Amino acid sequence: MKKTKKRGVKKVRKAKKAKRVVKAKKRKKATKRKPVKKAKVPVSIINAQDHFGDILVTQLARVRRIKKAQDWIDYATLRPLIIGMIGGDGIGPYITNEAQRVLEHMLKDEVAKGKIEFRVIEGMTIEKRSEVMKPIPDDVLAEIKKCHVTLKGPTTTPKKGDPWPNIESANVAVRKELDLFANVRPVRVPALGIDWMFFRENTEDVYALGPFGVEVTPDMAIDFRLITKPGSERIIRLAFEYAKKNNIDRVTAITKANVVKTTDGLFLKTFYDIAKEYSGINSDDWFIDIMTAKLVDEKRRRQFKVMVLPNLYGDILTDEAAEFQGGVGTAGSANIGKRYAMFEAIHGSAPRMVKEGRAQYADPSSVIRAGSMLLTHIGYVELGKKLEMALDICGQYEKKLVMTGRSTGATGSEFCEYIMTTMSDPNLKTHWQKYQ
């Protein structure tokens, strides 16, 4: 009896336990959340992601190329050294022709000796670029690459709403194709105590990826910004080396790293890392917004000497700086790479002047000043300085002829003659110094 009773109790307990397990499973099942369905990703976002991925692949390949780049070219070993003349479009061919006259006049002996050769490169017009739907036609690019240095007039960059197709800037394309990573722009106004040298990174930032933004939806567009460590290192080091060679004791970085933390942050960190290698040079940094104000601050602007900055900020700040020496029409710039160099006016192509029949009155000063930088770059330092002094006298001080862009002023050809006459003065340096 006892055994039977015990077996019965065990059965009852097992049954109760089984019921409790069943109830627990039911409760667990009842309280278990239903899986949340993932939102379907719109095709527009998937396309944008794929597009961004392609950009990353391309730019990482570019970083590898930068790291493997050849060393600097030695112009002294070249015979002949080939100077390409690129007219561009709009007023470009008019003013570049005047610059060529000046350079050929100054280098006529070198040309006669076979040391220098000039080549005119056609086909960089907006019409031809639009026809082939490329920022640089292939045949034009091939000719440019045969030259060691080029002097280039302005080219038209289409914007939204223009009659031209949305092709990339020819300037940006040339800089990328030839890896012209440094845009070097001097601004000197001795009477105001201004002697600035800007080192603007030339191949990155929003300009490099400007044509490759995405209109995700009609209500949202995204552009991309690129800053790389190797790209930042080489422009920053060039600025410090310039300061070192010219006994300049200050180099200033300009960013917006307090807001644009990732890309500007990388540029600024790289700046201070390199600054440690130049113990004799003071290094500091300013934000782009306050720097635009400080350039017009008479108490502070004379303190700045060498400035290094990413592409977009450099474009903005150097245009502002150029106003002190007479406007963007008077300023030239150098685009420097290890194997090639391009020198150009910093203003646009002014198609309206051509349309209105005023192209002959366009001021050639900017592209001629770029020519003086070209001379210095290829080793003719004294000739470059001579041309700079003549430009200062004619454009800033003496002003026997004035350029107005209209028939009320001199033509580009007349102004070119004025510059060459001024250079022929045996007392040019004394003449220039009396204005300082």
Protein backbone atom coordinates (compact mmCIF):
# COMPACT_ATOMS: atom_id res chain seq x y z
CA MET A 1 0.00 0.00 0.00
CA LYS A 2 2.72 2.39 0.92
CA LYS A 3 4.55 1.88 -2.36
CA THR A 4 1.36 2.34 -4.37
CA LYS A 5 0.58 5.52 -2.48
CA LYS A 6 4.07 6.92 -3.09
CA ARG A 7 3.83 6.16 -6.79
CA GLY A 8 0.51 7.98 -6.97
CA VAL A 9 1.93 11.05 -5.26
CA LYS A 10 4.83 11.13 -7.69
CA LYS A 11 2.47 10.98 -10.66
CA VAL A 12 0.45 13.87 -9.29
CA ARG A 13 3.61 15.93 -8.74
CA LYS A 14 4.86 15.22 -12.27
CA ALA A 15 1.52 16.21 -13.72
CA LYS A 16 1.48 19.47 -11.76
CA LYS A 17 5.05 20.23 -12.82
CA ALA A 18 4.20 19.55 -16.44
CA LYS A 19 1.24 21.92 -16.19
CA ARG A 20 3.46 24.64 -14.68
CA VAL A 21 5.99 24.23 -17.53
CA VAL A 22 3.24 24.47 -20.13
CA LYS A 23 1.81 27.60 -18.48
CA ALA A 24 5.29 29.19 -18.27
CA LYS A 25 5.90 28.54 -21.98
CA LYS A 26 2.51 30.06 -22.80
CA ARG A 27 3.29 33.14 -20.72
CA LYS A 28 6.73 33.49 -22.34
CA LYS A 29 5.20 33.10 -25.77
CA ALA A 30 2.50 35.60 -24.90
CA THR A 31 4.98 38.21 -23.65
CA LYS A 32 7.54 37.68 -26.45
CA ARG A 33 7.69 40.75 -28.72
CA LYS A 34 6.92 40.38 -32.31
CA PRO A 35 9.96 41.03 -34.53
CA VAL A 36 10.04 44.61 -35.90
CA LYS A 37 10.11 44.72 -39.63
CA LYS A 38 13.09 46.65 -40.95
CA ALA A 39 12.22 49.68 -43.03
CA LYS A 40 12.94 49.19 -46.68
CA VAL A 41 15.93 51.34 -47.77
CA PRO A 42 14.91 53.59 -50.67
CA VAL A 43 16.65 52.99 -53.97
CA SER A 44 17.86 56.61 -53.97
CA ILE A 45 19.84 56.00 -50.77
CA ILE A 46 21.28 52.72 -52.06
CA ASN A 47 22.40 54.50 -55.23
CA ALA A 48 23.96 57.30 -53.15
CA GLN A 49 25.80 54.75 -51.00
CA ASP A 50 27.16 52.99 -54.08
CA HIS A 51 28.23 56.33 -55.55
CA PHE A 52 30.03 57.28 -52.32
CA GLY A 53 31.74 53.88 -52.27
CA ASP A 54 33.10 54.48 -55.78
CA ILE A 55 34.48 57.86 -54.68
CA LEU A 56 36.25 56.27 -51.71
CA VAL A 57 37.87 53.63 -53.93
CA THR A 58 39.12 56.30 -56.36
CA GLN A 59 40.48 58.57 -53.64
CA LEU A 60 42.24 55.79 -51.73
CA ALA A 61 44.00 54.89 -54.99
CA ARG A 62 45.01 58.54 -55.30
CA VAL A 63 46.49 58.51 -51.79
CA ARG A 64 48.65 55.54 -52.79
CA ARG A 65 49.85 57.45 -55.86
CA ILE A 66 50.80 60.48 -53.74
CA LYS A 67 52.95 58.28 -51.52
CA LYS A 68 54.79 56.88 -54.57
CA ALA A 69 55.25 60.22 -56.36
CA GLN A 70 58.56 60.99 -58.08
CA ASP A 71 61.00 63.54 -56.73
CA TRP A 72 61.19 67.18 -57.86
CA ILE A 73 62.24 67.92 -61.44
CA ASP A 74 65.53 69.80 -61.99
CA TYR A 75 64.91 72.52 -64.59
CA ALA A 76 68.62 73.19 -64.97
CA THR A 77 69.04 69.81 -66.69
CA LEU A 78 66.40 70.43 -69.37
CA ARG A 79 67.30 71.50 -72.88
CA PRO A 80 65.10 72.87 -74.16
CA LEU A 81 62.86 73.83 -71.28
CA ILE A 82 59.40 73.98 -72.87
CA ILE A 83 56.98 76.73 -71.85
CA GLY A 84 53.39 76.10 -72.97
CA MET A 85 51.05 79.04 -73.53
CA ILE A 86 47.35 78.19 -72.97
CA GLY A 87 45.00 80.98 -74.01
CA GLY A 88 41.84 79.56 -72.48
CA ASP A 89 38.62 81.35 -73.41
CA GLY A 90 36.80 84.66 -72.93
CA ILE A 91 39.44 87.35 -72.42
CA GLY A 92 42.06 84.61 -71.84
CA PRO A 93 43.64 84.59 -75.33
CA TYR A 94 43.85 88.42 -75.32
CA ILE A 95 45.72 88.79 -72.04
CA THR A 96 47.83 85.63 -72.45
CA ASN A 97 49.06 86.92 -75.81
CA GLU A 98 50.36 90.03 -74.02
CA ALA A 99 52.06 87.93 -71.36
CA GLN A 100 53.73 85.86 -74.06
CA ARG A 101 55.07 89.03 -75.68
CA VAL A 102 56.66 90.03 -72.36
CA LEU A 103 58.21 86.61 -71.68
CA GLU A 104 59.53 86.17 -75.22
CA HIS A 105 61.07 89.65 -75.00
CA MET A 106 62.78 88.81 -71.70
CA LEU A 107 63.95 85.33 -72.77
CA LYS A 108 64.88 86.06 -76.39
CA ASP A 109 68.55 85.25 -75.77
CA GLU A 110 67.67 81.93 -74.12
CA VAL A 111 65.37 81.05 -77.01
CA ALA A 112 68.17 81.86 -79.49
CA LYS A 113 70.51 79.52 -77.60
CA GLY A 114 67.97 76.69 -77.73
CA LYS A 115 67.57 76.67 -73.94
CA ILE A 116 63.93 77.80 -73.97
CA GLU A 117 61.10 76.91 -76.35
CA PHE A 118 57.61 78.43 -76.40
CA ARG A 119 54.60 76.40 -77.56
CA VAL A 120 51.06 77.70 -78.05
CA ILE A 121 48.40 75.18 -76.98
CA GLU A 122 44.98 75.65 -78.59
CA GLY A 123 41.67 73.98 -77.82
CA MET A 124 41.03 74.83 -74.15
CA THR A 125 37.91 76.81 -75.04
CA ILE A 126 34.55 76.15 -73.41
CA GLU A 127 33.16 75.32 -76.86
CA LYS A 128 35.58 72.47 -77.47
CA ARG A 129 35.40 71.21 -73.89
CA SER A 130 31.62 71.11 -74.15
CA GLU A 131 31.78 69.38 -77.51
CA VAL A 132 33.86 66.48 -76.13
CA MET A 133 32.17 66.64 -72.68
CA LYS A 134 35.53 66.75 -70.89
CA PRO A 135 37.18 69.45 -68.77
CA ILE A 136 40.35 68.97 -70.85
CA PRO A 137 40.14 67.47 -74.36
CA ASP A 138 42.47 64.48 -74.68
CA ASP A 139 44.61 66.02 -77.44
CA VAL A 140 45.02 69.22 -75.41
CA LEU A 141 46.05 67.29 -72.30
CA ALA A 142 48.63 65.38 -74.34
CA GLU A 143 50.16 68.68 -75.52
CA ILE A 144 50.17 70.13 -72.00
CA LYS A 145 52.08 67.08 -70.73
CA LYS A 146 54.80 67.71 -73.33
CA CYS A 147 55.54 71.05 -71.64
CA HIS A 148 57.53 71.43 -68.44
CA VAL A 149 55.71 74.59 -67.34
CA THR A 150 52.65 76.37 -68.71
CA LEU A 151 51.23 79.88 -68.53
CA LYS A 152 47.46 79.74 -68.70
CA GLY A 153 44.72 82.27 -69.28
CA PRO A 154 41.34 82.01 -67.54
CA THR A 155 38.82 79.35 -68.59
CA THR A 156 35.05 79.34 -68.18
CA THR A 157 33.62 76.96 -65.57
CA PRO A 158 29.91 76.32 -66.23
CA LYS A 159 27.49 76.78 -63.37
CA LYS A 160 23.92 75.59 -63.04
CA GLY A 161 21.71 77.54 -65.41
CA ASP A 162 24.48 78.24 -67.95
CA PRO A 163 23.97 77.17 -71.58
CA TRP A 164 27.02 74.91 -71.25
CA PRO A 165 26.90 71.33 -69.96
CA ASN A 166 27.92 70.69 -66.34
CA ILE A 167 31.54 69.72 -66.97
CA GLU A 168 34.28 69.93 -64.36
CA SER A 169 36.43 73.05 -64.03
CA ALA A 170 39.37 72.95 -66.44
CA ASN A 171 41.60 74.46 -63.75
CA VAL A 172 40.71 71.75 -61.25
CA ALA A 173 41.14 69.05 -63.88
CA VAL A 174 44.62 70.25 -64.93
CA ARG A 175 45.71 70.41 -61.30
CA LYS A 176 44.55 66.86 -60.71
CA GLU A 177 45.96 65.46 -63.98
CA LEU A 178 49.40 67.00 -63.38
CA ASP A 179 49.22 66.65 -59.58
CA LEU A 180 49.79 70.39 -59.09
CA PHE A 181 49.16 70.21 -55.37
CA ALA A 182 50.37 73.68 -54.32
CA ASN A 183 48.65 76.91 -55.33
CA VAL A 184 51.12 79.62 -54.34
CA ARG A 185 49.88 83.22 -54.32
CA PRO A 186 51.98 86.20 -53.18
CA VAL A 187 50.40 89.52 -52.21
CA ARG A 188 52.78 92.43 -51.59
CA VAL A 189 51.88 96.05 -50.91
CA PRO A 190 54.97 97.61 -49.31
CA ALA A 191 53.24 100.93 -48.63
CA LEU A 192 50.79 99.10 -46.33
CA GLY A 193 53.40 96.79 -44.83
CA ILE A 194 51.76 93.78 -46.49
CA ASP A 195 53.97 90.90 -47.58
CA TRP A 196 51.91 87.72 -47.62
CA MET A 197 52.56 84.35 -49.18
CA PHE A 198 49.64 81.93 -49.38
CA PHE A 199 50.07 78.19 -49.80
CA ARG A 200 46.67 76.84 -50.82
CA GLU A 201 46.23 73.07 -51.16
CA ASN A 202 45.16 72.57 -54.74
CA THR A 203 43.93 69.03 -55.36
CA GLU A 204 41.58 68.17 -52.48
CA ASP A 205 38.71 69.68 -50.46
CA VAL A 206 35.26 70.32 -51.97
CA TYR A 207 36.81 71.38 -55.29
CA ALA A 208 38.18 67.90 -55.93
CA LEU A 209 34.79 66.24 -55.43
CA GLY A 210 32.56 69.16 -56.42
CA PRO A 211 31.24 67.55 -59.64
CA PHE A 212 30.49 64.27 -57.87
CA GLY A 213 27.82 65.26 -55.37
CA VAL A 214 24.49 63.45 -55.21
CA GLU A 215 20.95 64.76 -55.49
CA VAL A 216 19.46 62.05 -53.28
CA THR A 217 15.93 63.36 -53.71
CA PRO A 218 14.54 66.59 -55.20
CA ASP A 219 14.58 67.94 -51.63
CA MET A 220 18.09 66.90 -50.59
CA ALA A 221 21.53 67.20 -52.18
CA ILE A 222 24.85 66.06 -50.71
CA ASP A 223 28.36 67.14 -51.67
CA PHE A 224 31.59 65.58 -50.44
CA ARG A 225 34.75 67.03 -48.93
CA LEU A 226 38.15 65.38 -49.09
CA ILE A 227 41.23 65.99 -46.91
CA THR A 228 44.03 63.42 -46.77
CA LYS A 229 47.09 63.24 -44.56
CA PRO A 230 49.60 62.81 -47.45
CA GLY A 231 47.94 65.68 -49.33
CA SER A 232 48.07 67.93 -46.27
CA GLU A 233 51.65 66.97 -45.42
CA ARG A 234 53.15 68.03 -48.74
CA ILE A 235 51.49 71.49 -48.90
CA ILE A 236 52.25 72.22 -45.23
CA ARG A 237 55.86 71.12 -45.58
CA LEU A 238 56.24 73.32 -48.68
CA ALA A 239 55.02 76.33 -46.67
CA PHE A 240 57.49 75.66 -43.84
CA GLU A 241 60.34 75.10 -46.31
CA TYR A 242 59.56 78.42 -48.00
CA ALA A 243 59.61 80.17 -44.62
CA LYS A 244 62.89 78.50 -43.71
CA LYS A 245 64.63 79.41 -46.99
CA ASN A 246 63.45 83.03 -46.78
CA ASN A 247 64.19 83.53 -43.07
CA ILE A 248 60.51 84.01 -42.22
CA ASP A 249 59.69 83.29 -38.59
CA ARG A 250 55.94 82.59 -38.75
CA VAL A 251 53.65 80.12 -40.52
CA THR A 252 49.89 80.24 -39.93
CA ALA A 253 47.36 77.49 -40.66
CA ILE A 254 43.80 78.53 -41.50
CA THR A 255 40.89 76.13 -40.99
CA LYS A 256 37.46 75.87 -39.42
CA ALA A 257 38.45 72.90 -37.28
CA ASN A 258 36.16 73.90 -34.40
CA VAL A 259 33.15 73.13 -36.62
CA VAL A 260 34.45 70.97 -39.47
CA LYS A 261 36.11 68.63 -37.01
CA THR A 262 37.06 65.60 -39.09
CA THR A 263 38.58 66.99 -42.30
CA ASP A 264 39.84 70.34 -41.00
CA GLY A 265 40.84 68.53 -37.83
CA LEU A 266 43.13 66.23 -39.85
CA PHE A 267 44.66 69.20 -41.68
CA LEU A 268 45.34 71.07 -38.43
CA LYS A 269 46.78 68.03 -36.63
CA THR A 270 49.11 67.43 -39.57
CA PHE A 271 50.16 71.09 -39.46
CA TYR A 272 51.25 70.93 -35.82
CA ASP A 273 52.95 67.56 -36.31
CA ILE A 274 55.12 69.05 -39.07
CA ALA A 275 55.66 72.30 -37.16
CA LYS A 276 57.64 70.33 -34.55
CA GLU A 277 60.34 69.76 -37.20
CA TYR A 278 60.86 73.54 -37.62
CA SER A 279 61.78 74.74 -34.15
CA GLY A 280 62.96 78.16 -35.34
CA ILE A 281 59.58 79.03 -36.87
CA ASN A 282 56.55 80.08 -34.86
CA SER A 283 53.37 78.23 -35.79
CA ASP A 284 49.78 79.22 -35.03
CA ASP A 285 46.30 78.74 -36.46
CA TRP A 286 43.25 80.88 -37.10
CA PHE A 287 39.71 80.14 -38.21
CA ILE A 288 38.77 81.21 -41.73
CA ASP A 289 35.94 83.52 -40.67
CA ILE A 290 38.01 85.62 -38.27
CA MET A 291 41.00 85.59 -40.63
CA THR A 292 38.94 87.29 -43.35
CA ALA A 293 38.35 90.05 -40.80
CA LYS A 294 41.98 90.24 -39.66
CA LEU A 295 43.27 90.82 -43.18
CA VAL A 296 41.51 94.19 -43.13
CA ASP A 297 42.57 94.94 -39.56
CA GLU A 298 45.40 97.48 -39.90
CA LYS A 299 46.75 96.58 -36.45
CA ARG A 300 47.02 92.84 -37.10
CA ARG A 301 47.39 92.18 -40.81
CA ARG A 302 51.10 93.07 -40.96
CA GLN A 303 51.86 90.26 -38.49
CA PHE A 304 50.87 87.51 -40.93
CA LYS A 305 53.54 86.25 -43.31
CA VAL A 306 53.14 82.71 -44.62
CA MET A 307 49.69 81.15 -44.58
CA VAL A 308 48.77 77.55 -45.45
CA LEU A 309 45.19 76.43 -45.90
CA PRO A 310 42.83 73.96 -47.60
CA ASN A 311 41.55 74.59 -51.10
CA LEU A 312 38.24 76.44 -50.63
CA TYR A 313 39.45 78.71 -47.82
CA GLY A 314 42.53 79.47 -49.89
CA ASP A 315 40.48 80.52 -52.88
CA ILE A 316 38.33 82.87 -50.78
CA LEU A 317 41.11 84.42 -48.74
CA THR A 318 43.52 85.02 -51.62
CA ASP A 319 40.85 86.82 -53.62
CA GLU A 320 40.24 89.07 -50.63
CA ALA A 321 43.99 89.61 -50.21
CA ALA A 322 44.41 90.49 -53.89
CA GLU A 323 42.16 93.51 -53.43
CA PHE A 324 44.92 95.22 -51.46
CA GLN A 325 47.22 95.31 -54.48
CA GLY A 326 44.59 96.37 -56.98
CA GLY A 327 42.14 93.47 -57.28
CA VAL A 328 42.13 89.96 -58.66
CA GLY A 329 42.98 91.38 -62.08
CA THR A 330 46.46 92.22 -60.79
CA ALA A 331 47.31 88.97 -58.98
CA GLY A 332 48.89 85.86 -60.43
CA SER A 333 49.24 82.40 -58.99
CA ALA A 334 51.49 79.39 -59.30
CA ASN A 335 50.31 75.79 -59.35
CA ILE A 336 53.28 73.70 -58.36
CA GLY A 337 53.85 69.96 -58.57
CA LYS A 338 56.97 67.83 -58.45
CA ARG A 339 57.06 67.24 -62.23
CA TYR A 340 54.93 70.03 -63.73
CA ALA A 341 53.98 73.62 -62.93
CA MET A 342 51.22 75.88 -64.24
CA PHE A 343 51.01 79.65 -63.76
CA GLU A 344 47.80 81.57 -64.29
CA ALA A 345 45.66 84.62 -63.72
CA ILE A 346 43.39 84.21 -60.69
CA HIS A 347 40.35 85.93 -62.20
CA GLY A 348 37.68 84.54 -64.50
CA SER A 349 37.24 84.59 -68.27
CA ALA A 350 34.90 87.62 -68.34
CA PRO A 351 32.79 86.48 -71.34
CA ARG A 352 30.69 89.64 -71.03
CA MET A 353 33.71 91.76 -72.00
CA VAL A 354 34.10 89.71 -75.18
CA LYS A 355 30.37 89.90 -75.92
CA GLU A 356 30.43 93.68 -75.51
CA GLY A 357 33.53 94.07 -77.68
CA ARG A 358 35.78 95.18 -74.82
CA ALA A 359 38.24 92.27 -74.68
CA GLN A 360 41.12 94.43 -75.95
CA TYR A 361 40.76 96.52 -72.77
CA ALA A 362 41.19 93.54 -70.41
CA ASP A 363 44.00 94.05 -67.91
CA PRO A 364 46.86 91.58 -68.58
CA SER A 365 48.57 92.33 -65.23
CA SER A 366 47.42 89.16 -63.50
CA VAL A 367 48.73 86.74 -66.10
CA ILE A 368 51.92 88.80 -66.58
CA ARG A 369 52.53 88.65 -62.83
CA ALA A 370 52.02 84.90 -63.08
CA GLY A 371 54.73 85.06 -65.74
CA SER A 372 57.12 86.64 -63.26
CA MET A 373 56.46 83.73 -60.91
CA LEU A 374 57.14 81.32 -63.78
CA LEU A 375 60.51 82.96 -64.42
CA THR A 376 61.50 82.64 -60.77
CA HIS A 377 60.33 79.03 -60.62
CA ILE A 378 62.44 77.88 -63.57
CA GLY A 379 65.55 79.58 -62.24
CA TYR A 380 65.50 83.07 -63.78
CA VAL A 381 65.13 84.78 -60.41
CA GLU A 382 66.58 88.17 -61.41
CA LEU A 383 64.34 88.39 -64.47
CA GLY A 384 61.34 87.48 -62.33
CA LYS A 385 62.17 90.23 -59.85
CA LYS A 386 62.68 92.73 -62.64
CA LEU A 387 59.24 91.99 -64.05
CA GLU A 388 57.67 92.24 -60.59
CA MET A 389 59.21 95.68 -60.04
CA ALA A 390 57.94 96.89 -63.41
CA LEU A 391 54.44 95.62 -62.62
CA ASP A 392 54.50 97.37 -59.23
CA ILE A 393 55.57 100.67 -60.79
CA CYS A 394 53.07 100.52 -63.65
CA GLY A 395 50.11 99.12 -61.71
CA GLN A 396 50.46 100.45 -58.17
CA TYR A 397 52.69 103.53 -58.10
CA GLU A 398 53.43 105.51 -61.23
CA LYS A 399 50.27 104.62 -63.16
CA LYS A 400 50.99 106.54 -66.34
CA LEU A 401 48.40 104.31 -67.96
CA VAL A 402 45.27 103.10 -66.22
CA MET A 403 43.28 99.97 -67.03
CA THR A 404 39.50 100.44 -66.73
CA GLY A 405 38.27 97.54 -68.84
CA ARG A 406 36.71 100.06 -71.22
CA SER A 407 37.70 102.63 -73.83
CA THR A 408 38.17 105.12 -71.00
CA GLY A 409 41.45 103.36 -70.19
CA ALA A 410 44.42 101.77 -71.92
CA THR A 411 44.28 98.61 -74.01
CA GLY A 412 46.06 95.47 -72.86
CA SER A 413 48.58 95.95 -75.68
CA GLU A 414 49.35 99.53 -74.61
CA PHE A 415 49.79 98.46 -71.01
CA CYS A 416 52.12 95.66 -72.09
CA GLU A 417 54.28 98.19 -73.95
CA TYR A 418 54.31 100.37 -70.82
CA ILE A 419 55.61 97.43 -68.76
CA MET A 420 58.35 96.56 -71.27
CA THR A 421 59.45 100.20 -71.52
CA THR A 422 59.64 100.41 -67.74
CA MET A 423 61.75 97.25 -67.59
CA SER A 424 64.24 98.72 -70.06
CA ASP A 425 65.06 101.52 -67.59
CA PRO A 426 68.67 100.93 -66.41
CA ASN A 427 67.69 102.50 -63.07
CA LEU A 428 64.63 100.27 -62.62
CA LYS A 429 65.54 99.12 -59.12
CA THR A 430 66.21 102.67 -57.89
CA HIS A 431 62.97 103.80 -59.51
CA TRP A 432 61.08 100.99 -57.71
CA GLN A 433 62.76 101.56 -54.34
CA LYS A 434 61.73 105.20 -54.14
CA TYR A 435 58.12 104.04 -53.82
CA GLN A 436 58.79 101.61 -50.96
